[in-house]
Amino acid sequence: MEKLYPDELKLTEHLPGGRQYIIPIPYLRGRQRREEYSQGKMRSAIKEIRKGGILYLMDNPIVLCYLETSQEGHFIIVDGHHRVRAAANGKMTGNRITKIPSLIYSLGELVPVFEQILHKPFNEETLQQRFEDQTAEALASFHFLHDTRIPRLTIPPGQDINNLPFPTFEN
């Protein structure tokens, strides 16, 4: 499946606001397949997190989309896969970070941004399907992971993303 947007694009420069929460890693679902991770980006993320720790992540929060099905809600990583992996890798950074500063958006907030960036029409259903497909592909590419490392935590459906049960932060 083709990438949703170019790697060199800084998505946060195109996104207004976002809800600022600190989300535990087990709640995050990635969209990047294993082979899409760049060693150079991983080294850079590890270096920055080693140097700045949680403060670096607060200044450079990841971007999440809150997706909801009839049974559960999920946080899909839209931007920040390398930062999440680097933060979780305490051996490389010297300090394992288990909760990630995040900017959370709804599908409706992301659709016009992707339309503007990609110069093609999107709607919420198309974007949700794309996220779900990419998340399934990413999970399949990490099939070798121990079962305890696979994200399993969800939140109940009907959650107001302006009032989530997680701590907030300011950057």
C-alpha atoms as a PDB file:
ATOM      1  CA  MET A   1       0.000   0.000   0.000  1.00  0.00           C
ATOM      2  CA  GLU A   2       1.330   3.446  -0.871  1.00  0.00           C
ATOM      3  CA  LYS A   3       2.280   5.881   1.870  1.00  0.00           C
ATOM      4  CA  LEU A   4      -0.370   8.337   2.950  1.00  0.00           C
ATOM      5  CA  TYR A   5       1.964  11.337   2.761  1.00  0.00           C
ATOM      6  CA  PRO A   6       5.658  11.944   2.011  1.00  0.00           C
ATOM      7  CA  ASP A   7       8.155  11.203   4.810  1.00  0.00           C
ATOM      8  CA  GLU A   8       9.781  14.625   4.540  1.00  0.00           C
ATOM      9  CA  LEU A   9       6.497  16.377   5.298  1.00  0.00           C
ATOM     10  CA  LYS A  10       6.166  17.769   8.808  1.00  0.00           C
ATOM     11  CA  LEU A  11       2.509  16.997   9.381  1.00  0.00           C
ATOM     12  CA  THR A  12       2.235  19.148  12.516  1.00  0.00           C
ATOM     13  CA  GLU A  13       2.995  22.231  10.402  1.00  0.00           C
ATOM     14  CA  HIS A  14      -0.284  21.607   8.555  1.00  0.00           C
ATOM     15  CA  LEU A  15      -2.424  20.676  11.550  1.00  0.00           C
ATOM     16  CA  PRO A  16      -3.988  23.290  13.800  1.00  0.00           C
ATOM     17  CA  GLY A  17      -4.145  22.613  17.533  1.00  0.00           C
ATOM     18  CA  GLY A  18      -4.836  19.058  18.518  1.00  0.00           C
ATOM     19  CA  ARG A  19      -5.738  17.704  21.913  1.00  0.00           C
ATOM     20  CA  GLN A  20      -2.623  17.253  24.034  1.00  0.00           C
ATOM     21  CA  TYR A  21      -2.539  14.022  26.015  1.00  0.00           C
ATOM     22  CA  ILE A  22       0.137  11.692  27.330  1.00  0.00           C
ATOM     23  CA  ILE A  23      -0.835   8.239  26.081  1.00  0.00           C
ATOM     24  CA  PRO A  24       0.654   4.934  27.328  1.00  0.00           C
ATOM     25  CA  ILE A  25       2.382   3.047  24.498  1.00  0.00           C
ATOM     26  CA  PRO A  26       0.155  -0.081  24.762  1.00  0.00           C
ATOM     27  CA  TYR A  27      -2.777   2.040  23.526  1.00  0.00           C
ATOM     28  CA  LEU A  28      -0.980   3.082  20.320  1.00  0.00           C
ATOM     29  CA  ARG A  29      -1.459   1.293  17.007  1.00  0.00           C
ATOM     30  CA  GLY A  30       1.114   1.889  14.299  1.00  0.00           C
ATOM     31  CA  ARG A  31       0.549   2.092  10.546  1.00  0.00           C
ATOM     32  CA  GLN A  32       4.157   1.572   9.460  1.00  0.00           C
ATOM     33  CA  ARG A  33       5.283  -1.858   8.386  1.00  0.00           C
ATOM     34  CA  ARG A  34       8.542  -3.160   9.803  1.00  0.00           C
ATOM     35  CA  GLU A  35      10.414  -2.642   6.528  1.00  0.00           C
ATOM     36  CA  GLU A  36       9.328   1.014   6.385  1.00  0.00           C
ATOM     37  CA  TYR A  37      11.409   1.966   9.414  1.00  0.00           C
ATOM     38  CA  SER A  38      14.528   3.904   8.459  1.00  0.00           C
ATOM     39  CA  GLN A  39      17.745   3.211  10.364  1.00  0.00           C
ATOM     40  CA  GLY A  40      18.747   6.858   9.905  1.00  0.00           C
ATOM     41  CA  LYS A  41      15.478   8.132  11.383  1.00  0.00           C
ATOM     42  CA  MET A  42      15.739   5.643  14.245  1.00  0.00           C
ATOM     43  CA  ARG A  43      19.282   6.798  15.046  1.00  0.00           C
ATOM     44  CA  SER A  44      18.150  10.417  14.942  1.00  0.00           C
ATOM     45  CA  ALA A  45      15.133   9.753  17.195  1.00  0.00           C
ATOM     46  CA  ILE A  46      17.269   7.778  19.666  1.00  0.00           C
ATOM     47  CA  LYS A  47      19.860  10.571  19.759  1.00  0.00           C
ATOM     48  CA  GLU A  48      17.216  13.258  20.378  1.00  0.00           C
ATOM     49  CA  ILE A  49      15.434  11.240  23.070  1.00  0.00           C
ATOM     50  CA  ARG A  50      18.716  10.363  24.763  1.00  0.00           C
ATOM     51  CA  LYS A  51      19.575  14.064  24.843  1.00  0.00           C
ATOM     52  CA  GLY A  52      16.162  15.550  25.725  1.00  0.00           C
ATOM     53  CA  GLY A  53      14.076  12.675  27.077  1.00  0.00           C
ATOM     54  CA  ILE A  54      10.408  13.373  27.694  1.00  0.00           C
ATOM     55  CA  LEU A  55      10.977  17.116  27.134  1.00  0.00           C
ATOM     56  CA  TYR A  56      12.026  16.399  23.538  1.00  0.00           C
ATOM     57  CA  LEU A  57       8.829  14.400  23.054  1.00  0.00           C
ATOM     58  CA  MET A  58       6.716  17.169  24.598  1.00  0.00           C
ATOM     59  CA  ASP A  59       8.246  19.647  22.135  1.00  0.00           C
ATOM     60  CA  ASN A  60       7.773  17.132  19.289  1.00  0.00           C
ATOM     61  CA  PRO A  61       4.578  15.213  20.113  1.00  0.00           C
ATOM     62  CA  ILE A  62       3.381  12.407  17.899  1.00  0.00           C
ATOM     63  CA  VAL A  63       0.157  12.784  15.896  1.00  0.00           C
ATOM     64  CA  LEU A  64      -2.670  10.354  16.600  1.00  0.00           C
ATOM     65  CA  CYS A  65      -6.094   9.810  15.097  1.00  0.00           C
ATOM     66  CA  TYR A  66      -8.827   8.531  17.336  1.00  0.00           C
ATOM     67  CA  LEU A  67     -10.772   5.827  15.469  1.00  0.00           C
ATOM     68  CA  GLU A  68     -13.868   4.246  16.866  1.00  0.00           C
ATOM     69  CA  THR A  69     -15.744   1.086  16.021  1.00  0.00           C
ATOM     70  CA  SER A  70     -18.971  -0.067  17.639  1.00  0.00           C
ATOM     71  CA  GLN A  71     -16.937  -2.075  20.180  1.00  0.00           C
ATOM     72  CA  GLU A  72     -13.849   0.029  20.951  1.00  0.00           C
ATOM     73  CA  GLY A  73     -11.735   3.091  20.319  1.00  0.00           C
ATOM     74  CA  HIS A  74      -8.162   3.085  19.009  1.00  0.00           C
ATOM     75  CA  PHE A  75      -5.338   5.587  18.744  1.00  0.00           C
ATOM     76  CA  ILE A  76      -3.688   5.274  15.328  1.00  0.00           C
ATOM     77  CA  ILE A  77      -0.212   6.763  14.907  1.00  0.00           C
ATOM     78  CA  VAL A  78      -0.413   9.154  11.978  1.00  0.00           C
ATOM     79  CA  ASP A  79       3.055  10.637  12.485  1.00  0.00           C
ATOM     80  CA  GLY A  80       5.776   9.704  14.985  1.00  0.00           C
ATOM     81  CA  HIS A  81       6.415   5.974  14.574  1.00  0.00           C
ATOM     82  CA  HIS A  82      10.189   6.325  14.967  1.00  0.00           C
ATOM     83  CA  ARG A  83       9.845   8.488  18.100  1.00  0.00           C
ATOM     84  CA  VAL A  84       7.550   5.905  19.711  1.00  0.00           C
ATOM     85  CA  ARG A  85       9.891   3.006  18.956  1.00  0.00           C
ATOM     86  CA  ALA A  86      12.935   4.959  20.124  1.00  0.00           C
ATOM     87  CA  ALA A  87      11.197   6.058  23.344  1.00  0.00           C
ATOM     88  CA  ALA A  88      10.197   2.488  24.130  1.00  0.00           C
ATOM     89  CA  ASN A  89      13.754   1.240  23.592  1.00  0.00           C
ATOM     90  CA  GLY A  90      15.417   2.017  26.921  1.00  0.00           C
ATOM     91  CA  LYS A  91      18.598   0.132  25.961  1.00  0.00           C
ATOM     92  CA  MET A  92      19.286   2.599  23.170  1.00  0.00           C
ATOM     93  CA  THR A  93      18.112   5.820  24.821  1.00  0.00           C
ATOM     94  CA  GLY A  94      19.198   5.069  28.370  1.00  0.00           C
ATOM     95  CA  ASN A  95      15.706   5.673  29.698  1.00  0.00           C
ATOM     96  CA  ARG A  96      12.614   3.747  28.600  1.00  0.00           C
ATOM     97  CA  ILE A  97       9.690   6.123  28.157  1.00  0.00           C
ATOM     98  CA  THR A  98       6.336   4.363  28.415  1.00  0.00           C
ATOM     99  CA  LYS A  99       3.924   7.280  27.961  1.00  0.00           C
ATOM    100  CA  ILE A 100       4.103   9.451  24.858  1.00  0.00           C
ATOM    101  CA  PRO A 101       3.050  13.106  24.482  1.00  0.00           C
ATOM    102  CA  SER A 102       0.523  13.099  21.664  1.00  0.00           C
ATOM    103  CA  LEU A 103      -1.652  15.447  19.637  1.00  0.00           C
ATOM    104  CA  ILE A 104      -4.998  13.743  19.044  1.00  0.00           C
ATOM    105  CA  TYR A 105      -7.290  14.493  16.100  1.00  0.00           C
ATOM    106  CA  SER A 106     -10.566  13.128  14.828  1.00  0.00           C
ATOM    107  CA  LEU A 107     -10.954  11.803  11.295  1.00  0.00           C
ATOM    108  CA  GLY A 108     -12.993  14.891  10.442  1.00  0.00           C
ATOM    109  CA  GLU A 109     -10.115  17.142  11.443  1.00  0.00           C
ATOM    110  CA  LEU A 110      -7.576  15.165   9.412  1.00  0.00           C
ATOM    111  CA  VAL A 111      -9.547  14.847   6.157  1.00  0.00           C
ATOM    112  CA  PRO A 112      -9.149  18.489   4.965  1.00  0.00           C
ATOM    113  CA  VAL A 113      -5.449  18.432   5.834  1.00  0.00           C
ATOM    114  CA  PHE A 114      -4.833  15.316   3.736  1.00  0.00           C
ATOM    115  CA  GLU A 115      -6.923  16.754   0.897  1.00  0.00           C
ATOM    116  CA  GLN A 116      -4.765  19.888   0.941  1.00  0.00           C
ATOM    117  CA  ILE A 117      -1.453  18.005   1.166  1.00  0.00           C
ATOM    118  CA  LEU A 118      -2.257  15.345  -1.429  1.00  0.00           C
ATOM    119  CA  HIS A 119      -4.415  17.460  -3.726  1.00  0.00           C
ATOM    120  CA  LYS A 120      -7.063  14.768  -3.966  1.00  0.00           C
ATOM    121  CA  PRO A 121     -10.435  14.245  -2.318  1.00  0.00           C
ATOM    122  CA  PHE A 122     -10.763  12.299   0.901  1.00  0.00           C
ATOM    123  CA  ASN A 123     -13.667  11.594   3.190  1.00  0.00           C
ATOM    124  CA  GLU A 124     -13.830  10.141   6.690  1.00  0.00           C
ATOM    125  CA  GLU A 125     -14.765   6.650   5.491  1.00  0.00           C
ATOM    126  CA  THR A 126     -11.879   6.519   3.003  1.00  0.00           C
ATOM    127  CA  LEU A 127      -9.363   7.757   5.539  1.00  0.00           C
ATOM    128  CA  GLN A 128     -10.612   5.371   8.238  1.00  0.00           C
ATOM    129  CA  GLN A 129     -10.395   2.419   5.838  1.00  0.00           C
ATOM    130  CA  ARG A 130      -6.868   3.456   4.849  1.00  0.00           C
ATOM    131  CA  PHE A 131      -5.807   3.665   8.518  1.00  0.00           C
ATOM    132  CA  GLU A 132      -7.405   0.297   9.323  1.00  0.00           C
ATOM    133  CA  ASP A 133      -5.750  -1.401   6.331  1.00  0.00           C
ATOM    134  CA  GLN A 134      -2.338   0.087   7.120  1.00  0.00           C
ATOM    135  CA  THR A 135      -2.643  -0.868  10.791  1.00  0.00           C
ATOM    136  CA  ALA A 136      -3.472  -4.478   9.879  1.00  0.00           C
ATOM    137  CA  GLU A 137      -0.527  -4.639   7.450  1.00  0.00           C
ATOM    138  CA  ALA A 138       1.825  -3.146  10.047  1.00  0.00           C
ATOM    139  CA  LEU A 139       0.744  -5.627  12.703  1.00  0.00           C
ATOM    140  CA  ALA A 140       1.220  -8.527  10.283  1.00  0.00           C
ATOM    141  CA  SER A 141       4.765  -7.332   9.477  1.00  0.00           C
ATOM    142  CA  PHE A 142       5.681  -7.641  13.174  1.00  0.00           C
ATOM    143  CA  HIS A 143       4.347 -11.216  13.426  1.00  0.00           C
ATOM    144  CA  PHE A 144       7.504 -12.325  15.248  1.00  0.00           C
ATOM    145  CA  LEU A 145       6.813 -10.104  18.286  1.00  0.00           C
ATOM    146  CA  HIS A 146       6.065 -11.743  21.579  1.00  0.00           C
ATOM    147  CA  ASP A 147       2.323 -11.561  22.223  1.00  0.00           C
ATOM    148  CA  THR A 148       2.809  -9.173  25.156  1.00  0.00           C
ATOM    149  CA  ARG A 149       4.358  -6.538  22.841  1.00  0.00           C
ATOM    150  CA  ILE A 150       1.304  -6.300  20.572  1.00  0.00           C
ATOM    151  CA  PRO A 151      -0.965  -3.324  21.353  1.00  0.00           C
ATOM    152  CA  ARG A 152      -4.140  -4.630  22.917  1.00  0.00           C
ATOM    153  CA  LEU A 153      -5.497  -1.832  25.039  1.00  0.00           C
ATOM    154  CA  THR A 154      -8.515   0.038  23.758  1.00  0.00           C
ATOM    155  CA  ILE A 155     -10.899   2.563  25.204  1.00  0.00           C
ATOM    156  CA  PRO A 156     -14.682   2.231  25.338  1.00  0.00           C
ATOM    157  CA  PRO A 157     -16.630   3.573  22.348  1.00  0.00           C
ATOM    158  CA  GLY A 158     -18.411   6.899  22.667  1.00  0.00           C
ATOM    159  CA  GLN A 159     -15.420   8.556  24.335  1.00  0.00           C
ATOM    160  CA  ASP A 160     -15.270  12.353  24.004  1.00  0.00           C
ATOM    161  CA  ILE A 161     -11.773  13.059  22.664  1.00  0.00           C
ATOM    162  CA  ASN A 162     -11.876  16.425  24.421  1.00  0.00           C
ATOM    163  CA  ASN A 163     -12.147  14.626  27.758  1.00  0.00           C
ATOM    164  CA  LEU A 164     -10.023  11.465  27.642  1.00  0.00           C
ATOM    165  CA  PRO A 165      -8.949   9.567  30.781  1.00  0.00           C
ATOM    166  CA  PHE A 166      -5.254  10.417  30.284  1.00  0.00           C
ATOM    167  CA  PRO A 167      -3.037  13.228  31.606  1.00  0.00           C
ATOM    168  CA  THR A 168      -2.648  16.338  29.483  1.00  0.00           C
ATOM    169  CA  PHE A 169       0.470  18.407  28.787  1.00  0.00           C
ATOM    170  CA  GLU A 170       1.421  21.773  27.335  1.00  0.00           C
ATOM    171  CA  ASN A 171       4.266  22.364  24.921  1.00  0.00           C
END
